[in-house]
Amino acid sequence: MNRILNIVERHTHHGSKRRHGTNMAIMRKSKQFRWQHKHLIGLRDLTAEEINYILDTAQGFEQVSTRSVKKAPPLRGKVVVNLFFEDSTRTRNSFALAASRLSADTIEFTKKSSAVSKGETLLDTARNLEAMGIDIVVIRHNAAGAPKLLSKNINACVVNAGDGYCEHPTQALLDVYTIRQMKGSLEGLKVAIVGDIAHSRVARSDMWAMTKLGAEVTFVAPPTLMPGNVDQLPVRVSYSLDEVIEKVDVVNMLRIQFERLGGNPFPSIREYSRYFGLTVERMKRAKSDIVVMHPGPINRGLEMESEVADGKNSVILQQVKNGLAVRMAVLFLVNQAAAQTTA
């Protein structure tokens, strides 16, 4: 933890003294805690203390991006590979920039330009990359469990950037980081996660992170977009956005994943928007300080109207910004744990 303090103290300036003092107080409060996970596969098995530790570490890195020279040295000499088997813009670029800010070398991998297109397996691909001397693998894959499989078969650290319908831990971490930034704490907050829950790994990771940090989470969707095992999850369930919009402190609108839909889960786009879209009219009934979120990309006019997406309650761009600090923290921590294991 002293290494984090030294990094923040050496590389963080331009911020107010008060905010800097707050950051340092938070970091010192966590000083006795020791991060021990070489991989970040999901949030389901993390404790509230571990999740808060990641968020506190991210807060320490946040101001690095405000400097004229946007670099810190923790991963100097390390190699991070972005192993993306699914298309991505936000997540892939965020991880690439996070690695660069930490002074790591990066390798960008896409399925279309790799030997996978010729029949090479995931493990063979990873082992070939590992033979080149990589230290951290950031993987996005359409098969649930792919990051865990990788973590058990290579020596490098593995960070899950989204696997099937399972989890997307760093998206959830940046979501709770943003909520904590806006509200101070998640304890006692009511959060609605609205939309394509059935196909959303973000919803699952959000659920684990938010409930562990004390929030009450409600899944809101038509029955056709609700997961079949929802009654076994630590959430409330509603089939009406109108039923919950006045009660919640945070609403996270999910993208309808048309590429994953096997049929027609709702009669029409217009019908879905009418009952589950976050419209200007619905926002008039919400709390004045409600926090509006979306993991992106937004289907404007479907999941929410542009006036809401760009409105005063929206923190969508702040989520993108916070993703950089969170991913810097995750890369730093898994590398630190790997170094401790080796030692």
Protein backbone atom coordinates (compact mmCIF):
# COMPACT_ATOMS: atom_id res chain seq x y z
CA MET A 1 0.00 0.00 0.00
CA ASN A 2 2.95 2.32 0.58
CA ARG A 3 3.71 2.08 -3.12
CA ILE A 4 0.26 3.47 -3.94
CA LEU A 5 0.74 6.32 -1.48
CA ASN A 6 4.11 7.17 -3.01
CA ILE A 7 2.65 7.11 -6.53
CA VAL A 8 -0.24 9.37 -5.59
CA GLU A 9 1.94 11.77 -3.61
CA ARG A 10 4.55 11.95 -6.35
CA HIS A 11 2.26 12.18 -9.36
CA THR A 12 -0.90 13.89 -8.11
CA HIS A 13 -1.05 17.65 -8.19
CA HIS A 14 -3.21 20.36 -9.78
CA GLY A 15 -6.07 19.22 -7.49
CA SER A 16 -7.21 21.17 -4.48
CA LYS A 17 -5.38 20.56 -1.20
CA ARG A 18 -8.64 19.58 0.43
CA ARG A 19 -9.42 16.91 -2.16
CA HIS A 20 -5.83 15.65 -2.09
CA GLY A 21 -6.03 15.38 1.70
CA THR A 22 -9.27 13.44 1.42
CA ASN A 23 -7.69 11.03 -1.06
CA MET A 24 -4.72 10.44 1.22
CA ALA A 25 -6.95 9.87 4.25
CA ILE A 26 -8.92 7.22 2.37
CA MET A 27 -5.74 5.51 1.18
CA ARG A 28 -4.20 5.46 4.66
CA LYS A 29 -7.42 4.09 6.12
CA SER A 30 -6.95 1.06 3.83
CA LYS A 31 -3.26 0.81 4.63
CA GLN A 32 -3.52 -2.38 6.69
CA PHE A 33 -5.43 -4.24 3.98
CA ARG A 34 -3.47 -6.37 1.53
CA TRP A 35 -4.80 -7.18 -1.94
CA GLN A 36 -4.13 -10.85 -2.72
CA HIS A 37 -5.84 -11.56 -6.05
CA LYS A 38 -3.57 -12.13 -9.04
CA HIS A 39 -6.63 -12.25 -11.32
CA LEU A 40 -9.88 -10.31 -11.53
CA ILE A 41 -12.43 -12.74 -12.95
CA GLY A 42 -15.62 -11.40 -11.36
CA LEU A 43 -17.11 -9.59 -8.37
CA ARG A 44 -19.33 -12.35 -7.05
CA ASP A 45 -16.57 -13.77 -4.85
CA LEU A 46 -15.07 -10.45 -3.72
CA THR A 47 -15.89 -8.96 -0.33
CA ALA A 48 -17.17 -5.43 0.23
CA GLU A 49 -13.75 -4.58 1.69
CA GLU A 50 -11.98 -5.80 -1.45
CA ILE A 51 -14.32 -3.85 -3.73
CA ASN A 52 -13.84 -0.69 -1.67
CA TYR A 53 -10.08 -1.24 -1.77
CA ILE A 54 -10.16 -1.19 -5.58
CA LEU A 55 -12.26 1.98 -5.53
CA ASP A 56 -9.92 3.66 -3.03
CA THR A 57 -6.93 2.72 -5.18
CA ALA A 58 -8.68 4.13 -8.25
CA GLN A 59 -9.26 7.38 -6.38
CA GLY A 60 -5.53 7.58 -5.81
CA PHE A 61 -4.87 7.25 -9.55
CA GLU A 62 -7.68 9.54 -10.69
CA GLN A 63 -5.69 12.74 -10.77
CA VAL A 64 -2.81 11.26 -12.80
CA SER A 65 -4.96 11.94 -15.87
CA THR A 66 -5.14 15.66 -15.05
CA ARG A 67 -1.36 16.16 -15.23
CA SER A 68 0.45 17.60 -18.22
CA VAL A 69 2.50 14.38 -18.37
CA LYS A 70 -0.11 11.68 -17.91
CA LYS A 71 2.17 8.87 -16.78
CA ALA A 72 2.92 6.92 -13.61
CA PRO A 73 5.63 4.23 -13.37
CA PRO A 74 4.10 1.15 -11.66
CA LEU A 75 3.96 -1.10 -14.75
CA ARG A 76 7.16 0.05 -16.39
CA GLY A 77 8.76 -2.93 -18.11
CA LYS A 78 5.52 -4.96 -18.00
CA VAL A 79 3.55 -6.11 -21.05
CA VAL A 80 -0.25 -6.01 -21.16
CA VAL A 81 -2.13 -7.77 -23.96
CA ASN A 82 -5.72 -6.88 -24.86
CA LEU A 83 -7.12 -10.23 -25.98
CA PHE A 84 -10.51 -9.27 -27.44
CA PHE A 85 -12.58 -11.94 -29.16
CA GLU A 86 -15.60 -9.60 -29.32
CA ASP A 87 -15.88 -6.13 -30.79
CA SER A 88 -15.31 -3.34 -28.31
CA THR A 89 -14.42 0.32 -28.42
CA ARG A 90 -14.85 1.77 -24.94
CA THR A 91 -13.51 -1.11 -22.86
CA ARG A 92 -10.59 -1.99 -25.12
CA ASN A 93 -9.43 1.60 -25.51
CA SER A 94 -9.88 2.26 -21.79
CA PHE A 95 -7.69 -0.69 -20.86
CA ALA A 96 -5.10 0.26 -23.48
CA LEU A 97 -4.92 3.81 -22.17
CA ALA A 98 -4.86 2.64 -18.55
CA ALA A 99 -1.89 0.37 -19.30
CA SER A 100 -0.14 3.19 -21.14
CA ARG A 101 -0.72 5.63 -18.25
CA LEU A 102 0.96 3.07 -15.97
CA SER A 103 3.94 2.92 -18.38
CA ALA A 104 3.31 -0.65 -19.61
CA ASP A 105 3.90 -1.88 -23.15
CA THR A 106 0.69 -3.05 -24.81
CA ILE A 107 -0.25 -5.60 -27.47
CA GLU A 108 -3.61 -5.25 -29.24
CA PHE A 109 -5.15 -8.57 -30.27
CA THR A 110 -8.32 -9.04 -32.31
CA LYS A 111 -9.85 -12.32 -33.41
CA LYS A 112 -10.05 -11.31 -37.08
CA SER A 113 -6.31 -10.64 -37.36
CA SER A 114 -5.16 -13.68 -35.41
CA ALA A 115 -4.50 -17.38 -35.88
CA VAL A 116 -7.82 -18.05 -34.12
CA SER A 117 -9.45 -17.43 -37.49
CA LYS A 118 -7.37 -20.38 -38.73
CA GLY A 119 -8.54 -22.70 -35.97
CA GLU A 120 -6.10 -21.99 -33.13
CA THR A 121 -7.58 -22.51 -29.66
CA LEU A 122 -7.87 -19.88 -26.94
CA LEU A 123 -5.28 -21.65 -24.76
CA ASP A 124 -2.82 -22.03 -27.63
CA THR A 125 -3.19 -18.35 -28.44
CA ALA A 126 -2.61 -17.35 -24.83
CA ARG A 127 0.37 -19.68 -24.40
CA ASN A 128 1.99 -18.37 -27.56
CA LEU A 129 1.56 -14.81 -26.31
CA GLU A 130 2.91 -15.81 -22.90
CA ALA A 131 6.00 -17.23 -24.58
CA MET A 132 6.68 -13.68 -25.77
CA GLY A 133 6.89 -12.49 -22.18
CA ILE A 134 3.49 -10.96 -21.39
CA ASP A 135 2.54 -10.15 -17.79
CA ILE A 136 -1.20 -9.33 -17.87
CA VAL A 137 -3.95 -10.58 -20.17
CA VAL A 138 -7.14 -8.52 -20.49
CA ILE A 139 -9.68 -10.79 -22.15
CA ARG A 140 -13.14 -10.30 -23.60
CA HIS A 141 -14.79 -13.46 -24.91
CA ASN A 142 -18.29 -14.56 -25.92
CA ALA A 143 -17.98 -17.77 -23.88
CA ALA A 144 -18.78 -17.55 -20.17
CA GLY A 145 -15.87 -18.89 -18.16
CA ALA A 146 -13.15 -18.15 -20.71
CA PRO A 147 -11.19 -15.81 -18.36
CA LYS A 148 -11.31 -18.37 -15.54
CA LEU A 149 -10.10 -21.12 -17.89
CA LEU A 150 -7.22 -18.90 -18.94
CA SER A 151 -6.29 -18.02 -15.35
CA LYS A 152 -5.87 -21.71 -14.52
CA ASN A 153 -3.61 -22.46 -17.48
CA ILE A 154 -1.18 -19.54 -17.83
CA ASN A 155 1.13 -17.76 -15.41
CA ALA A 156 0.21 -14.23 -16.45
CA CYS A 157 -2.42 -12.22 -14.56
CA VAL A 158 -5.90 -12.38 -16.12
CA VAL A 159 -8.46 -9.57 -16.07
CA ASN A 160 -11.99 -10.23 -17.30
CA ALA A 161 -13.23 -7.55 -19.72
CA GLY A 162 -16.54 -9.36 -20.26
CA ASP A 163 -17.35 -13.06 -20.70
CA GLY A 164 -20.57 -14.28 -22.28
CA TYR A 165 -23.59 -13.53 -20.09
CA CYS A 166 -21.48 -13.95 -16.96
CA GLU A 167 -19.67 -10.82 -15.70
CA HIS A 168 -18.04 -7.55 -16.69
CA PRO A 169 -16.32 -6.61 -13.42
CA THR A 170 -14.53 -3.40 -14.38
CA GLN A 171 -17.73 -1.89 -15.80
CA ALA A 172 -19.47 -2.55 -12.48
CA LEU A 173 -16.51 -1.14 -10.57
CA LEU A 174 -16.62 2.10 -12.55
CA ASP A 175 -20.40 2.21 -12.04
CA VAL A 176 -20.15 1.96 -8.25
CA TYR A 177 -17.17 4.32 -8.27
CA THR A 178 -19.32 6.89 -10.08
CA ILE A 179 -22.25 6.41 -7.70
CA ARG A 180 -19.96 6.76 -4.69
CA GLN A 181 -18.57 9.92 -6.25
CA MET A 182 -22.05 11.39 -6.67
CA LYS A 183 -23.73 10.11 -3.49
CA GLY A 184 -20.85 9.55 -1.07
CA SER A 185 -21.85 5.94 -0.39
CA LEU A 186 -24.06 3.17 -1.76
CA GLU A 187 -25.34 2.22 1.68
CA GLY A 188 -29.15 2.42 1.68
CA LEU A 189 -29.47 3.62 -1.91
CA LYS A 190 -32.17 2.24 -4.19
CA VAL A 191 -30.88 1.36 -7.65
CA ALA A 192 -32.94 0.30 -10.68
CA ILE A 193 -31.18 -1.63 -13.45
CA VAL A 194 -33.44 -1.45 -16.48
CA GLY A 195 -33.56 -3.25 -19.80
CA ASP A 196 -32.01 -6.35 -21.31
CA ILE A 197 -31.12 -8.06 -18.03
CA ALA A 198 -31.17 -11.56 -19.54
CA HIS A 199 -28.21 -10.92 -21.84
CA SER A 200 -26.34 -8.42 -19.65
CA ARG A 201 -23.09 -9.28 -17.92
CA VAL A 202 -23.03 -5.67 -16.70
CA ALA A 203 -26.28 -6.24 -14.79
CA ARG A 204 -24.82 -9.27 -13.04
CA SER A 205 -21.58 -7.58 -12.00
CA ASP A 206 -23.47 -4.44 -10.98
CA MET A 207 -25.79 -6.54 -8.85
CA TRP A 208 -22.92 -8.17 -6.95
CA ALA A 209 -21.01 -4.92 -6.44
CA MET A 210 -23.99 -2.78 -5.46
CA THR A 211 -25.60 -5.24 -3.06
CA LYS A 212 -22.28 -5.96 -1.34
CA LEU A 213 -21.86 -2.20 -0.80
CA GLY A 214 -25.31 -1.89 0.78
CA ALA A 215 -27.60 -0.81 -2.05
CA GLU A 216 -31.05 -2.25 -2.78
CA VAL A 217 -31.13 -3.33 -6.42
CA THR A 218 -34.25 -3.79 -8.54
CA PHE A 219 -34.14 -5.46 -11.95
CA VAL A 220 -36.70 -3.84 -14.27
CA ALA A 221 -37.54 -5.46 -17.62
CA PRO A 222 -40.29 -7.16 -19.58
CA PRO A 223 -40.60 -10.85 -18.64
CA THR A 224 -38.92 -11.86 -21.92
CA LEU A 225 -35.75 -9.95 -20.97
CA MET A 226 -35.57 -11.12 -17.35
CA PRO A 227 -33.16 -13.98 -16.51
CA GLY A 228 -34.80 -17.29 -15.73
CA ASN A 229 -33.11 -17.64 -12.33
CA VAL A 230 -33.94 -14.11 -11.16
CA ASP A 231 -35.76 -15.44 -8.09
CA GLN A 232 -32.43 -16.86 -6.87
CA LEU A 233 -30.60 -13.53 -7.12
CA PRO A 234 -30.27 -10.88 -4.37
CA VAL A 235 -32.50 -8.37 -6.17
CA ARG A 236 -36.07 -7.14 -6.30
CA VAL A 237 -37.96 -7.60 -9.56
CA SER A 238 -40.32 -5.24 -11.34
CA TYR A 239 -41.94 -5.42 -14.75
CA SER A 240 -42.79 -1.72 -14.78
CA LEU A 241 -40.42 1.26 -14.89
CA ASP A 242 -43.31 3.51 -13.89
CA GLU A 243 -43.65 1.48 -10.69
CA VAL A 244 -40.11 2.28 -9.49
CA ILE A 245 -39.06 5.55 -11.14
CA GLU A 246 -40.27 7.74 -8.26
CA LYS A 247 -38.55 5.62 -5.59
CA VAL A 248 -35.00 5.08 -6.85
CA ASP A 249 -31.84 7.12 -6.31
CA VAL A 250 -30.02 5.69 -9.32
CA VAL A 251 -31.26 4.30 -12.62
CA ASN A 252 -28.89 2.35 -14.86
CA MET A 253 -30.31 1.86 -18.35
CA LEU A 254 -28.93 -1.14 -20.25
CA ARG A 255 -28.44 -1.47 -23.97
CA ILE A 256 -30.82 -3.79 -25.82
CA GLN A 257 -28.39 -6.34 -27.24
CA PHE A 258 -30.03 -7.00 -30.59
CA GLU A 259 -27.04 -9.11 -31.69
CA ARG A 260 -27.81 -11.61 -28.88
CA LEU A 261 -31.59 -11.77 -29.19
CA GLY A 262 -32.86 -15.07 -30.53
CA GLY A 263 -36.33 -13.81 -31.43
CA ASN A 264 -38.62 -10.88 -30.81
CA PRO A 265 -38.72 -10.26 -27.04
CA PHE A 266 -41.03 -7.26 -27.44
CA PRO A 267 -43.60 -6.31 -30.11
CA SER A 268 -41.73 -3.28 -31.45
CA ILE A 269 -39.08 -0.69 -30.62
CA ARG A 270 -41.82 1.87 -30.14
CA GLU A 271 -43.61 -0.43 -27.69
CA TYR A 272 -40.44 -1.05 -25.67
CA SER A 273 -39.58 2.64 -25.52
CA ARG A 274 -43.11 3.47 -24.39
CA TYR A 275 -42.98 1.17 -21.36
CA PHE A 276 -39.27 0.88 -20.52
CA GLY A 277 -37.55 3.90 -22.07
CA LEU A 278 -36.26 6.72 -19.85
CA THR A 279 -38.16 9.64 -21.31
CA VAL A 280 -38.33 13.31 -20.38
CA GLU A 281 -41.87 12.73 -19.07
CA ARG A 282 -40.72 9.88 -16.79
CA MET A 283 -37.86 12.00 -15.50
CA LYS A 284 -40.37 14.60 -14.30
CA ARG A 285 -41.62 12.01 -11.78
CA ALA A 286 -38.14 10.97 -10.62
CA LYS A 287 -36.24 12.42 -7.68
CA SER A 288 -34.59 15.71 -8.57
CA ASP A 289 -31.14 14.32 -7.76
CA ILE A 290 -31.56 10.92 -9.42
CA VAL A 291 -28.36 9.63 -11.05
CA VAL A 292 -28.84 8.47 -14.65
CA MET A 293 -26.35 5.90 -15.96
CA HIS A 294 -25.74 3.79 -19.06
CA PRO A 295 -22.80 1.47 -19.86
CA GLY A 296 -22.95 2.45 -23.55
CA PRO A 297 -23.30 2.48 -26.41
CA ILE A 298 -26.74 4.12 -26.13
CA ASN A 299 -29.59 3.36 -28.49
CA ARG A 300 -31.01 6.88 -28.34
CA GLY A 301 -34.77 7.04 -28.54
CA LEU A 302 -35.03 3.42 -27.40
CA GLU A 303 -33.40 3.08 -23.97
CA MET A 304 -33.51 6.79 -23.28
CA GLU A 305 -34.26 10.05 -25.02
CA SER A 306 -31.36 12.29 -26.00
CA GLU A 307 -32.55 15.04 -23.66
CA VAL A 308 -32.14 12.60 -20.75
CA ALA A 309 -28.83 11.15 -21.93
CA ASP A 310 -27.39 14.66 -22.20
CA GLY A 311 -29.30 16.12 -19.25
CA LYS A 312 -28.16 17.41 -15.86
CA ASN A 313 -28.76 14.07 -14.09
CA SER A 314 -26.73 12.04 -16.57
CA VAL A 315 -23.28 10.81 -15.51
CA ILE A 316 -22.65 8.74 -18.63
CA LEU A 317 -19.50 10.61 -19.70
CA GLN A 318 -18.30 10.62 -16.09
CA GLN A 319 -18.60 6.82 -16.15
CA VAL A 320 -16.30 6.71 -19.18
CA LYS A 321 -13.81 9.02 -17.47
CA ASN A 322 -13.89 7.01 -14.24
CA GLY A 323 -13.32 3.79 -16.15
CA LEU A 324 -9.75 4.85 -16.80
CA ALA A 325 -8.87 5.30 -13.11
CA VAL A 326 -10.64 2.06 -12.16
CA ARG A 327 -8.81 0.04 -14.80
CA MET A 328 -5.49 1.60 -13.80
CA ALA A 329 -6.21 0.44 -10.25
CA VAL A 330 -7.11 -3.10 -11.37
CA LEU A 331 -3.98 -3.50 -13.52
CA PHE A 332 -1.84 -2.14 -10.70
CA LEU A 333 -3.35 -4.43 -8.06
CA VAL A 334 -3.21 -7.71 -10.00
CA ASN A 335 0.39 -6.98 -10.93
CA GLN A 336 1.19 -6.21 -7.29
CA ALA A 337 -0.39 -9.50 -6.17
CA ALA A 338 1.57 -11.43 -8.82
CA ALA A 339 4.81 -9.84 -7.60
CA GLN A 340 3.99 -10.83 -4.01
CA THR A 341 3.25 -14.39 -5.11
CA THR A 342 6.55 -14.64 -6.96
CA ALA A 343 8.44 -13.22 -4.02
